[in-house]
PDB file of N, CA and C in Angstrom:
ATOM      1  N   UNK A   1      96.364  24.368 167.526  1.00  0.00           N
ATOM      2  CA  UNK A   1      96.000  25.550 166.781  1.00  0.00           C
ATOM      3  C   UNK A   1      96.965  26.673 167.124  1.00  0.00           C
ATOM      4  N   UNK A   2      97.372  27.410 166.130  1.00  0.00           N
ATOM      5  CA  UNK A   2      98.311  28.515 166.309  1.00  0.00           C
ATOM      6  C   UNK A   2      97.549  29.828 166.358  1.00  0.00           C
ATOM      7  N   UNK A   3      97.888  30.655 167.325  1.00  0.00           N
ATOM      8  CA  UNK A   3      97.293  31.979 167.434  1.00  0.00           C
ATOM      9  C   UNK A   3      98.350  33.003 167.056  1.00  0.00           C
ATOM     10  N   UNK A   4      98.092  33.734 165.993  1.00  0.00           N
ATOM     11  CA  UNK A   4      99.035  34.725 165.511  1.00  0.00           C
ATOM     12  C   UNK A   4      98.805  36.054 166.199  1.00  0.00           C
ATOM     13  N   UNK A   5      99.880  36.774 166.411  1.00  0.00           N
ATOM     14  CA  UNK A   5      99.782  38.080 167.050  1.00  0.00           C
ATOM     15  C   UNK A   5      99.300  39.121 166.049  1.00  0.00           C
ATOM     16  N   UNK A   6      98.606  40.108 166.562  1.00  0.00           N
ATOM     17  CA  UNK A   6      98.127  41.236 165.767  1.00  0.00           C
ATOM     18  C   UNK A   6      99.033  42.437 165.987  1.00  0.00           C
ATOM     19  N   UNK A   7      99.075  43.317 165.009  1.00  0.00           N
ATOM     20  CA  UNK A   7      99.796  44.574 165.153  1.00  0.00           C
ATOM     21  C   UNK A   7      98.869  45.580 165.821  1.00  0.00           C
ATOM     22  N   UNK A   8      99.368  46.258 166.832  1.00  0.00           N
ATOM     23  CA  UNK A   8      98.659  47.348 167.489  1.00  0.00           C
ATOM     24  C   UNK A   8      99.518  48.590 167.332  1.00  0.00           C
ATOM     25  N   UNK A   9      98.900  49.720 166.961  1.00  0.00           N
ATOM     26  CA  UNK A   9      99.652  50.934 166.661  1.00  0.00           C
ATOM     27  C   UNK A   9      99.149  52.119 167.471  1.00  0.00           C
ATOM     28  N   UNK A  10     100.079  52.984 167.824  1.00  0.00           N
ATOM     29  CA  UNK A  10      99.767  54.291 168.404  1.00  0.00           C
ATOM     30  C   UNK A  10     100.222  55.316 167.380  1.00  0.00           C
ATOM     31  N   UNK A  11      99.270  55.969 166.738  1.00  0.00           N
ATOM     32  CA  UNK A  11      99.583  56.912 165.670  1.00  0.00           C
ATOM     33  C   UNK A  11     100.217  58.176 166.244  1.00  0.00           C
ATOM     34  N   UNK A  12      99.811  58.586 167.424  1.00  0.00           N
ATOM     35  CA  UNK A  12     100.354  59.800 168.029  1.00  0.00           C
ATOM     36  C   UNK A  12     101.849  59.651 168.337  1.00  0.00           C
ATOM     37  N   UNK A  13     102.258  58.486 168.815  1.00  0.00           N
ATOM     38  CA  UNK A  13     103.670  58.243 169.149  1.00  0.00           C
ATOM     39  C   UNK A  13     104.447  57.632 167.991  1.00  0.00           C
ATOM     40  N   UNK A  14     103.732  57.202 166.939  1.00  0.00           N
ATOM     41  CA  UNK A  14     104.322  56.557 165.764  1.00  0.00           C
ATOM     42  C   UNK A  14     105.096  55.294 166.146  1.00  0.00           C
ATOM     43  N   UNK A  15     104.433  54.406 166.903  1.00  0.00           N
ATOM     44  CA  UNK A  15     105.013  53.122 167.275  1.00  0.00           C
ATOM     45  C   UNK A  15     103.979  52.029 167.047  1.00  0.00           C
ATOM     46  N   UNK A  16     104.462  50.803 166.884  1.00  0.00           N
ATOM     47  CA  UNK A  16     103.541  49.669 166.776  1.00  0.00           C
ATOM     48  C   UNK A  16     104.149  48.477 167.502  1.00  0.00           C
ATOM     49  N   UNK A  17     103.279  47.595 167.945  1.00  0.00           N
ATOM     50  CA  UNK A  17     103.681  46.416 168.701  1.00  0.00           C
ATOM     51  C   UNK A  17     102.872  45.228 168.221  1.00  0.00           C
ATOM     52  N   UNK A  18     103.452  44.029 168.327  1.00  0.00           N
ATOM     53  CA  UNK A  18     102.715  42.810 168.034  1.00  0.00           C
ATOM     54  C   UNK A  18     102.332  42.185 169.368  1.00  0.00           C
ATOM     55  N   UNK A  19     101.031  41.976 169.554  1.00  0.00           N
ATOM     56  CA  UNK A  19     100.525  41.404 170.798  1.00  0.00           C
ATOM     57  C   UNK A  19      99.404  40.442 170.479  1.00  0.00           C
ATOM     58  N   UNK A  20      99.159  39.523 171.386  1.00  0.00           N
ATOM     59  CA  UNK A  20      98.048  38.599 171.221  1.00  0.00           C
ATOM     60  C   UNK A  20      96.734  39.339 171.429  1.00  0.00           C
ATOM     61  N   UNK A  21      95.746  38.981 170.644  1.00  0.00           N
ATOM     62  CA  UNK A  21      94.420  39.585 170.778  1.00  0.00           C
ATOM     63  C   UNK A  21      93.735  39.007 172.007  1.00  0.00           C
ATOM     64  N   UNK A  22      93.340  39.869 172.907  1.00  0.00           N
ATOM     65  CA  UNK A  22      92.640  39.457 174.116  1.00  0.00           C
ATOM     66  C   UNK A  22      91.491  40.424 174.340  1.00  0.00           C
ATOM     67  N   UNK A  23      90.236  39.964 174.149  1.00  0.00           N
ATOM     68  CA  UNK A  23      89.100  40.884 174.287  1.00  0.00           C
ATOM     69  C   UNK A  23      88.901  41.398 175.712  1.00  0.00           C
ATOM     70  N   UNK A  24      89.466  40.718 176.707  1.00  0.00           N
ATOM     71  CA  UNK A  24      89.295  41.164 178.095  1.00  0.00           C
ATOM     72  C   UNK A  24      90.305  42.238 178.485  1.00  0.00           C
ATOM     73  N   UNK A  25      91.318  42.437 177.636  1.00  0.00           N
ATOM     74  CA  UNK A  25      92.401  43.350 177.971  1.00  0.00           C
ATOM     75  C   UNK A  25      92.420  44.523 177.000  1.00  0.00           C
ATOM     76  N   UNK A  26      92.637  45.717 177.520  1.00  0.00           N
ATOM     77  CA  UNK A  26      92.795  46.884 176.664  1.00  0.00           C
ATOM     78  C   UNK A  26      94.293  47.116 176.467  1.00  0.00           C
ATOM     79  N   UNK A  27      94.710  47.192 175.219  1.00  0.00           N
ATOM     80  CA  UNK A  27      96.116  47.399 174.905  1.00  0.00           C
ATOM     81  C   UNK A  27      96.411  48.895 174.955  1.00  0.00           C
ATOM     82  N   UNK A  28      97.363  49.287 175.807  1.00  0.00           N
ATOM     83  CA  UNK A  28      97.704  50.699 175.988  1.00  0.00           C
ATOM     84  C   UNK A  28      99.110  50.968 175.489  1.00  0.00           C
ATOM     85  N   UNK A  29      99.328  52.174 174.994  1.00  0.00           N
ATOM     86  CA  UNK A  29     100.644  52.596 174.536  1.00  0.00           C
ATOM     87  C   UNK A  29     101.542  52.816 175.759  1.00  0.00           C
ATOM     88  N   UNK A  30     102.741  52.249 175.762  1.00  0.00           N
ATOM     89  CA  UNK A  30     103.623  52.453 176.914  1.00  0.00           C
ATOM     90  C   UNK A  30     104.173  53.878 176.998  1.00  0.00           C
ATOM     91  N   UNK A  31     104.106  54.642 175.899  1.00  0.00           N
ATOM     92  CA  UNK A  31     104.630  56.015 175.906  1.00  0.00           C
ATOM     93  C   UNK A  31     103.611  57.022 176.410  1.00  0.00           C
ATOM     94  N   UNK A  32     102.375  56.961 175.892  1.00  0.00           N
ATOM     95  CA  UNK A  32     101.382  57.988 176.222  1.00  0.00           C
ATOM     96  C   UNK A  32     100.170  57.445 176.970  1.00  0.00           C
ATOM     97  N   UNK A  33     100.064  56.157 177.145  1.00  0.00           N
ATOM     98  CA  UNK A  33      98.983  55.477 177.873  1.00  0.00           C
ATOM     99  C   UNK A  33      97.626  55.595 177.188  1.00  0.00           C
ATOM    100  N   UNK A  34      97.601  55.954 175.893  1.00  0.00           N
ATOM    101  CA  UNK A  34      96.356  55.954 175.125  1.00  0.00           C
ATOM    102  C   UNK A  34      96.097  54.541 174.616  1.00  0.00           C
ATOM    103  N   UNK A  35      94.844  54.206 174.300  1.00  0.00           N
ATOM    104  CA  UNK A  35      94.564  52.880 173.746  1.00  0.00           C
ATOM    105  C   UNK A  35      95.208  52.714 172.369  1.00  0.00           C
ATOM    106  N   UNK A  36      95.773  51.547 172.125  1.00  0.00           N
ATOM    107  CA  UNK A  36      96.364  51.235 170.833  1.00  0.00           C
ATOM    108  C   UNK A  36      95.274  50.843 169.852  1.00  0.00           C
ATOM    109  N   UNK A  37      95.502  51.121 168.571  1.00  0.00           N
ATOM    110  CA  UNK A  37      94.551  50.770 167.512  1.00  0.00           C
ATOM    111  C   UNK A  37      94.985  49.439 166.927  1.00  0.00           C
ATOM    112  N   UNK A  38      94.047  48.520 166.797  1.00  0.00           N
ATOM    113  CA  UNK A  38      94.352  47.228 166.188  1.00  0.00           C
ATOM    114  C   UNK A  38      94.516  47.445 164.687  1.00  0.00           C
ATOM    115  N   UNK A  39      95.721  47.157 164.165  1.00  0.00           N
ATOM    116  CA  UNK A  39      96.026  47.411 162.760  1.00  0.00           C
ATOM    117  C   UNK A  39      95.942  46.155 161.909  1.00  0.00           C
ATOM    118  N   UNK A  40      95.759  45.003 162.498  1.00  0.00           N
ATOM    119  CA  UNK A  40      95.610  43.772 161.740  1.00  0.00           C
ATOM    120  C   UNK A  40      96.883  42.950 161.653  1.00  0.00           C
ATOM    121  N   UNK A  41      96.801  41.843 160.929  1.00  0.00           N
ATOM    122  CA  UNK A  41      97.932  40.923 160.806  1.00  0.00           C
ATOM    123  C   UNK A  41      98.996  41.424 159.836  1.00  0.00           C
ATOM    124  N   UNK A  42      98.605  42.145 158.794  1.00  0.00           N
ATOM    125  CA  UNK A  42      99.512  42.497 157.707  1.00  0.00           C
ATOM    126  C   UNK A  42      99.992  43.942 157.742  1.00  0.00           C
ATOM    127  N   UNK A  43      99.912  44.604 158.866  1.00  0.00           N
ATOM    128  CA  UNK A  43     100.340  45.995 158.965  1.00  0.00           C
ATOM    129  C   UNK A  43     101.863  46.063 158.926  1.00  0.00           C
ATOM    130  N   UNK A  44     102.388  46.880 158.031  1.00  0.00           N
ATOM    131  CA  UNK A  44     103.826  47.134 157.946  1.00  0.00           C
ATOM    132  C   UNK A  44     104.046  48.573 158.390  1.00  0.00           C
ATOM    133  N   UNK A  45     104.440  48.784 159.632  1.00  0.00           N
ATOM    134  CA  UNK A  45     104.533  50.153 160.131  1.00  0.00           C
ATOM    135  C   UNK A  45     105.643  50.934 159.440  1.00  0.00           C
ATOM    136  N   UNK A  46     105.389  52.200 159.147  1.00  0.00           N
ATOM    137  CA  UNK A  46     106.453  53.045 158.605  1.00  0.00           C
ATOM    138  C   UNK A  46     107.518  53.304 159.675  1.00  0.00           C
ATOM    139  N   UNK A  47     108.653  53.785 159.254  1.00  0.00           N
ATOM    140  CA  UNK A  47     109.675  54.165 160.230  1.00  0.00           C
ATOM    141  C   UNK A  47     109.157  55.322 161.080  1.00  0.00           C
ATOM    142  N   UNK A  48     109.703  55.452 162.249  1.00  0.00           N
ATOM    143  CA  UNK A  48     109.229  56.471 163.186  1.00  0.00           C
ATOM    144  C   UNK A  48     109.395  57.888 162.628  1.00  0.00           C
ATOM    145  N   UNK A  49     110.430  58.134 161.841  1.00  0.00           N
ATOM    146  CA  UNK A  49     110.664  59.464 161.267  1.00  0.00           C
ATOM    147  C   UNK A  49     109.760  59.763 160.078  1.00  0.00           C
ATOM    148  N   UNK A  50     109.110  58.749 159.527  1.00  0.00           N
ATOM    149  CA  UNK A  50     108.284  58.904 158.322  1.00  0.00           C
ATOM    150  C   UNK A  50     106.908  59.451 158.698  1.00  0.00           C
ATOM    151  N   UNK A  51     106.814  60.766 158.815  1.00  0.00           N
ATOM    152  CA  UNK A  51     105.573  61.414 159.241  1.00  0.00           C
ATOM    153  C   UNK A  51     104.485  61.233 158.187  1.00  0.00           C
ATOM    154  N   UNK A  52     104.851  61.315 156.904  1.00  0.00           N
ATOM    155  CA  UNK A  52     103.862  61.134 155.834  1.00  0.00           C
ATOM    156  C   UNK A  52     103.307  59.711 155.814  1.00  0.00           C
ATOM    157  N   UNK A  53     104.154  58.740 156.018  1.00  0.00           N
ATOM    158  CA  UNK A  53     103.688  57.356 156.070  1.00  0.00           C
ATOM    159  C   UNK A  53     102.737  57.117 157.229  1.00  0.00           C
ATOM    160  N   UNK A  54     103.049  57.715 158.385  1.00  0.00           N
ATOM    161  CA  UNK A  54     102.168  57.557 159.536  1.00  0.00           C
ATOM    162  C   UNK A  54     100.849  58.317 159.338  1.00  0.00           C
ATOM    163  N   UNK A  55     100.878  59.432 158.605  1.00  0.00           N
ATOM    164  CA  UNK A  55      99.618  60.135 158.351  1.00  0.00           C
ATOM    165  C   UNK A  55      98.723  59.301 157.436  1.00  0.00           C
ATOM    166  N   UNK A  56      99.316  58.581 156.497  1.00  0.00           N
ATOM    167  CA  UNK A  56      98.559  57.680 155.632  1.00  0.00           C
ATOM    168  C   UNK A  56      97.978  56.524 156.446  1.00  0.00           C
ATOM    169  N   UNK A  57      98.793  55.931 157.312  1.00  0.00           N
ATOM    170  CA  UNK A  57      98.306  54.842 158.172  1.00  0.00           C
ATOM    171  C   UNK A  57      97.214  55.349 159.110  1.00  0.00           C
ATOM    172  N   UNK A  58      97.349  56.576 159.606  1.00  0.00           N
ATOM    173  CA  UNK A  58      96.334  57.146 160.498  1.00  0.00           C
ATOM    174  C   UNK A  58      95.010  57.321 159.777  1.00  0.00           C
ATOM    175  N   UNK A  59      95.052  57.720 158.498  1.00  0.00           N
ATOM    176  CA  UNK A  59      93.816  57.895 157.721  1.00  0.00           C
ATOM    177  C   UNK A  59      93.133  56.549 157.495  1.00  0.00           C
ATOM    178  N   UNK A  60      93.909  55.524 157.168  1.00  0.00           N
ATOM    179  CA  UNK A  60      93.339  54.196 156.921  1.00  0.00           C
ATOM    180  C   UNK A  60      92.771  53.619 158.220  1.00  0.00           C
ATOM    181  N   UNK A  61      93.542  53.681 159.303  1.00  0.00           N
ATOM    182  CA  UNK A  61      93.070  53.139 160.578  1.00  0.00           C
ATOM    183  C   UNK A  61      91.930  53.975 161.148  1.00  0.00           C
ATOM    184  N   UNK A  62      91.952  55.279 160.910  1.00  0.00           N
ATOM    185  CA  UNK A  62      90.878  56.162 161.377  1.00  0.00           C
ATOM    186  C   UNK A  62      89.564  55.906 160.666  1.00  0.00           C
ATOM    187  N   UNK A  63      89.634  55.378 159.456  1.00  0.00           N
ATOM    188  CA  UNK A  63      88.416  55.040 158.711  1.00  0.00           C
ATOM    189  C   UNK A  63      87.832  53.705 159.170  1.00  0.00           C
ATOM    190  N   UNK A  64      88.520  53.050 160.109  1.00  0.00           N
ATOM    191  CA  UNK A  64      88.009  51.788 160.637  1.00  0.00           C
ATOM    192  C   UNK A  64      88.503  50.566 159.887  1.00  0.00           C
ATOM    193  N   UNK A  65      89.480  50.734 159.011  1.00  0.00           N
ATOM    194  CA  UNK A  65      90.011  49.607 158.251  1.00  0.00           C
ATOM    195  C   UNK A  65      91.230  49.026 158.956  1.00  0.00           C
ATOM    196  N   UNK A  66      91.483  47.757 158.680  1.00  0.00           N
ATOM    197  CA  UNK A  66      92.668  47.087 159.193  1.00  0.00           C
ATOM    198  C   UNK A  66      93.447  46.533 158.012  1.00  0.00           C
ATOM    199  N   UNK A  67      94.696  46.273 158.228  1.00  0.00           N
ATOM    200  CA  UNK A  67      95.545  45.679 157.199  1.00  0.00           C
ATOM    201  C   UNK A  67      95.460  44.161 157.345  1.00  0.00           C
ATOM    202  N   UNK A  68      94.545  43.573 156.602  1.00  0.00           N
ATOM    203  CA  UNK A  68      94.291  42.128 156.680  1.00  0.00           C
ATOM    204  C   UNK A  68      94.307  41.512 155.305  1.00  0.00           C
ATOM    205  N   UNK A  69      94.535  40.219 155.260  1.00  0.00           N
ATOM    206  CA  UNK A  69      94.429  39.449 154.033  1.00  0.00           C
ATOM    207  C   UNK A  69      93.058  38.793 153.965  1.00  0.00           C
ATOM    208  N   UNK A  70      92.939  37.766 153.149  1.00  0.00           N
ATOM    209  CA  UNK A  70      91.653  37.095 152.979  1.00  0.00           C
ATOM    210  C   UNK A  70      91.284  36.234 154.177  1.00  0.00           C
ATOM    211  N   UNK A  71      92.282  35.669 154.860  1.00  0.00           N
ATOM    212  CA  UNK A  71      91.987  34.843 156.025  1.00  0.00           C
ATOM    213  C   UNK A  71      92.739  35.397 157.226  1.00  0.00           C
ATOM    214  N   UNK A  72      92.145  35.277 158.371  1.00  0.00           N
ATOM    215  CA  UNK A  72      92.745  35.826 159.582  1.00  0.00           C
ATOM    216  C   UNK A  72      93.803  34.959 160.205  1.00  0.00           C
ATOM    217  N   UNK A  73      93.992  33.739 159.703  1.00  0.00           N
ATOM    218  CA  UNK A  73      94.931  32.821 160.351  1.00  0.00           C
ATOM    219  C   UNK A  73      96.368  33.044 159.907  1.00  0.00           C
ATOM    220  N   UNK A  74      96.595  33.743 158.816  1.00  0.00           N
ATOM    221  CA  UNK A  74      97.946  34.014 158.378  1.00  0.00           C
ATOM    222  C   UNK A  74      98.489  33.043 157.347  1.00  0.00           C
ATOM    223  N   UNK A  75      97.663  32.162 156.845  1.00  0.00           N
ATOM    224  CA  UNK A  75      98.154  31.185 155.876  1.00  0.00           C
ATOM    225  C   UNK A  75      97.396  31.311 154.554  1.00  0.00           C
ATOM    226  N   UNK A  76      98.081  31.189 153.457  1.00  0.00           N
ATOM    227  CA  UNK A  76      97.461  31.174 152.136  1.00  0.00           C
ATOM    228  C   UNK A  76      96.558  32.346 151.851  1.00  0.00           C
ATOM    229  N   UNK A  77      97.047  33.549 152.040  1.00  0.00           N
ATOM    230  CA  UNK A  77      96.180  34.697 151.849  1.00  0.00           C
ATOM    231  C   UNK A  77      96.798  35.706 150.905  1.00  0.00           C
ATOM    232  N   UNK A  78      95.968  36.516 150.353  1.00  0.00           N
ATOM    233  CA  UNK A  78      96.394  37.615 149.494  1.00  0.00           C
ATOM    234  C   UNK A  78      95.934  38.902 150.181  1.00  0.00           C
ATOM    235  N   UNK A  79      96.847  39.831 150.476  1.00  0.00           N
ATOM    236  CA  UNK A  79      96.448  41.044 151.199  1.00  0.00           C
ATOM    237  C   UNK A  79      95.417  41.866 150.433  1.00  0.00           C
ATOM    238  N   UNK A  80      94.494  42.463 151.174  1.00  0.00           N
ATOM    239  CA  UNK A  80      93.504  43.356 150.579  1.00  0.00           C
ATOM    240  C   UNK A  80      94.163  44.681 150.230  1.00  0.00           C
ATOM    241  N   UNK A  81      93.530  45.426 149.352  1.00  0.00           N
ATOM    242  CA  UNK A  81      94.087  46.694 148.914  1.00  0.00           C
ATOM    243  C   UNK A  81      93.974  47.759 150.000  1.00  0.00           C
ATOM    244  N   UNK A  82      95.033  48.506 150.181  1.00  0.00           N
ATOM    245  CA  UNK A  82      95.048  49.713 151.000  1.00  0.00           C
ATOM    246  C   UNK A  82      95.918  50.734 150.268  1.00  0.00           C
ATOM    247  N   UNK A  83      95.580  52.035 150.307  1.00  0.00           N
ATOM    248  CA  UNK A  83      96.395  53.035 149.618  1.00  0.00           C
ATOM    249  C   UNK A  83      97.820  53.058 150.177  1.00  0.00           C
ATOM    250  N   UNK A  84      98.790  53.247 149.284  1.00  0.00           N
ATOM    251  CA  UNK A  84     100.193  53.238 149.689  1.00  0.00           C
ATOM    252  C   UNK A  84     100.844  54.611 149.614  1.00  0.00           C
ATOM    253  N   UNK A  85     100.206  55.541 148.907  1.00  0.00           N
ATOM    254  CA  UNK A  85     100.769  56.889 148.799  1.00  0.00           C
ATOM    255  C   UNK A  85      99.711  57.915 149.183  1.00  0.00           C
ATOM    256  N   UNK A  86     100.182  59.112 149.487  1.00  0.00           N
ATOM    257  CA  UNK A  86      99.242  60.174 149.848  1.00  0.00           C
ATOM    258  C   UNK A  86      98.407  60.605 148.653  1.00  0.00           C
ATOM    259  N   UNK A  87      98.950  60.455 147.441  1.00  0.00           N
ATOM    260  CA  UNK A  87      98.182  60.792 146.236  1.00  0.00           C
ATOM    261  C   UNK A  87      96.992  59.844 146.088  1.00  0.00           C
ATOM    262  N   UNK A  88      97.212  58.558 146.320  1.00  0.00           N
ATOM    263  CA  UNK A  88      96.108  57.586 146.261  1.00  0.00           C
ATOM    264  C   UNK A  88      95.063  57.901 147.326  1.00  0.00           C
ATOM    265  N   UNK A  89      95.510  58.301 148.499  1.00  0.00           N
ATOM    266  CA  UNK A  89      94.588  58.662 149.579  1.00  0.00           C
ATOM    267  C   UNK A  89      93.770  59.890 149.194  1.00  0.00           C
ATOM    268  N   UNK A  90      94.432  60.913 148.643  1.00  0.00           N
ATOM    269  CA  UNK A  90      93.739  62.143 148.250  1.00  0.00           C
ATOM    270  C   UNK A  90      92.666  61.882 147.206  1.00  0.00           C
ATOM    271  N   UNK A  91      93.006  61.071 146.193  1.00  0.00           N
ATOM    272  CA  UNK A  91      92.038  60.758 145.136  1.00  0.00           C
ATOM    273  C   UNK A  91      90.820  60.071 145.726  1.00  0.00           C
ATOM    274  N   UNK A  92      91.024  59.134 146.615  1.00  0.00           N
ATOM    275  CA  UNK A  92      89.902  58.399 147.217  1.00  0.00           C
ATOM    276  C   UNK A  92      89.079  59.281 148.141  1.00  0.00           C
ATOM    277  N   UNK A  93      89.709  60.233 148.813  1.00  0.00           N
ATOM    278  CA  UNK A  93      88.954  61.182 149.639  1.00  0.00           C
ATOM    279  C   UNK A  93      88.080  62.082 148.769  1.00  0.00           C
ATOM    280  N   UNK A  94      88.595  62.518 147.637  1.00  0.00           N
ATOM    281  CA  UNK A  94      87.823  63.362 146.718  1.00  0.00           C
ATOM    282  C   UNK A  94      86.643  62.585 146.153  1.00  0.00           C
ATOM    283  N   UNK A  95      86.886  61.329 145.748  1.00  0.00           N
ATOM    284  CA  UNK A  95      85.809  60.498 145.194  1.00  0.00           C
ATOM    285  C   UNK A  95      84.744  60.240 146.254  1.00  0.00           C
ATOM    286  N   UNK A  96      85.158  59.984 147.492  1.00  0.00           N
ATOM    287  CA  UNK A  96      84.187  59.738 148.567  1.00  0.00           C
ATOM    288  C   UNK A  96      83.320  60.965 148.812  1.00  0.00           C
ATOM    289  N   UNK A  97      83.925  62.142 148.803  1.00  0.00           N
ATOM    290  CA  UNK A  97      83.156  63.369 149.027  1.00  0.00           C
ATOM    291  C   UNK A  97      82.226  63.658 147.848  1.00  0.00           C
ATOM    292  N   UNK A  98      82.709  63.447 146.619  1.00  0.00           N
ATOM    293  CA  UNK A  98      81.910  63.736 145.432  1.00  0.00           C
ATOM    294  C   UNK A  98      80.744  62.767 145.285  1.00  0.00           C
ATOM    295  N   UNK A  99      80.988  61.492 145.525  1.00  0.00           N
ATOM    296  CA  UNK A  99      79.964  60.464 145.329  1.00  0.00           C
ATOM    297  C   UNK A  99      79.085  60.253 146.561  1.00  0.00           C
ATOM    298  N   UNK A 100      79.470  60.812 147.702  1.00  0.00           N
ATOM    299  CA  UNK A 100      78.701  60.634 148.924  1.00  0.00           C
ATOM    300  C   UNK A 100      78.867  59.242 149.523  1.00  0.00           C
ATOM    301  N   UNK A 101      80.014  58.624 149.294  1.00  0.00           N
ATOM    302  CA  UNK A 101      80.287  57.278 149.804  1.00  0.00           C
ATOM    303  C   UNK A 101      81.093  57.360 151.090  1.00  0.00           C
ATOM    304  N   UNK A 102      81.009  56.326 151.923  1.00  0.00           N
ATOM    305  CA  UNK A 102      81.860  56.306 153.112  1.00  0.00           C
ATOM    306  C   UNK A 102      83.335  56.210 152.703  1.00  0.00           C
ATOM    307  N   UNK A 103      84.205  56.859 153.458  1.00  0.00           N
ATOM    308  CA  UNK A 103      85.631  56.856 153.155  1.00  0.00           C
ATOM    309  C   UNK A 103      86.213  55.447 153.235  1.00  0.00           C
ATOM    310  N   UNK A 104      85.724  54.645 154.161  1.00  0.00           N
ATOM    311  CA  UNK A 104      86.245  53.279 154.292  1.00  0.00           C
ATOM    312  C   UNK A 104      85.988  52.456 153.033  1.00  0.00           C
ATOM    313  N   UNK A 105      84.882  52.722 152.359  1.00  0.00           N
ATOM    314  CA  UNK A 105      84.573  51.981 151.135  1.00  0.00           C
ATOM    315  C   UNK A 105      85.504  52.381 149.998  1.00  0.00           C
ATOM    316  N   UNK A 106      85.757  53.668 149.844  1.00  0.00           N
ATOM    317  CA  UNK A 106      86.633  54.097 148.747  1.00  0.00           C
ATOM    318  C   UNK A 106      88.095  53.764 149.024  1.00  0.00           C
ATOM    319  N   UNK A 107      88.505  53.703 150.286  1.00  0.00           N
ATOM    320  CA  UNK A 107      89.877  53.318 150.609  1.00  0.00           C
ATOM    321  C   UNK A 107      90.127  51.835 150.351  1.00  0.00           C
ATOM    322  N   UNK A 108      89.080  51.030 150.284  1.00  0.00           N
ATOM    323  CA  UNK A 108      89.219  49.593 150.060  1.00  0.00           C
ATOM    324  C   UNK A 108      89.289  49.221 148.594  1.00  0.00           C
ATOM    325  N   UNK A 109      89.044  50.179 147.716  1.00  0.00           N
ATOM    326  CA  UNK A 109      89.004  49.899 146.279  1.00  0.00           C
ATOM    327  C   UNK A 109      90.388  50.017 145.646  1.00  0.00           C
ATOM    328  N   UNK A 110      90.749  49.069 144.765  1.00  0.00           N
ATOM    329  CA  UNK A 110      92.017  49.198 144.042  1.00  0.00           C
ATOM    330  C   UNK A 110      92.023  50.410 143.102  1.00  0.00           C
ATOM    331  N   UNK A 111      90.889  50.685 142.492  1.00  0.00           N
ATOM    332  CA  UNK A 111      90.735  51.883 141.664  1.00  0.00           C
ATOM    333  C   UNK A 111      89.688  52.760 142.328  1.00  0.00           C
ATOM    334  N   UNK A 112      89.860  54.089 142.313  1.00  0.00           N
ATOM    335  CA  UNK A 112      88.921  54.935 143.041  1.00  0.00           C
ATOM    336  C   UNK A 112      87.492  54.848 142.550  1.00  0.00           C
ATOM    337  N   UNK A 113      87.276  54.499 141.291  1.00  0.00           N
ATOM    338  CA  UNK A 113      85.922  54.468 140.755  1.00  0.00           C
ATOM    339  C   UNK A 113      85.401  53.050 140.506  1.00  0.00           C
ATOM    340  N   UNK A 114      86.193  52.037 140.759  1.00  0.00           N
ATOM    341  CA  UNK A 114      85.747  50.665 140.548  1.00  0.00           C
ATOM    342  C   UNK A 114      84.851  50.226 141.687  1.00  0.00           C
ATOM    343  N   UNK A 115      83.801  49.473 141.404  1.00  0.00           N
ATOM    344  CA  UNK A 115      82.958  48.981 142.491  1.00  0.00           C
ATOM    345  C   UNK A 115      83.672  47.874 143.262  1.00  0.00           C
ATOM    346  N   UNK A 116      83.278  47.698 144.507  1.00  0.00           N
ATOM    347  CA  UNK A 116      83.879  46.650 145.342  1.00  0.00           C
ATOM    348  C   UNK A 116      83.419  45.283 144.868  1.00  0.00           C
ATOM    349  N   UNK A 117      84.338  44.346 144.788  1.00  0.00           N
ATOM    350  CA  UNK A 117      84.007  42.963 144.428  1.00  0.00           C
ATOM    351  C   UNK A 117      83.949  42.150 145.704  1.00  0.00           C
ATOM    352  N   UNK A 118      82.814  41.540 145.986  1.00  0.00           N
ATOM    353  CA  UNK A 118      82.673  40.752 147.210  1.00  0.00           C
ATOM    354  C   UNK A 118      83.113  39.345 147.049  1.00  0.00           C
TER     355      UNK A 118
END
């Protein structure tokens, strides 16, 4: 059986690392010693200078979402939707506030007003 590494990110330092998931170990940032956030298998980190890209990733990860596909093993999967621009993020934040929905639910939708398909 193959164990794939997960992406772990530090939003404050704007860095990410691929490490094996170990529930007994806390993954710490080597720069600031804060705990790293598990970003999932399909996280594509923005460049370090891309402050807007990291703010978008911080909003998605802060809502408790990860960048994952349909299966956790890394084979035969289609990535789930996550906002790619700040405009998409803003629209979903407005819809969440107006409708009284959790932000994580509206960030998971391909369209801001479409219901989630399970």
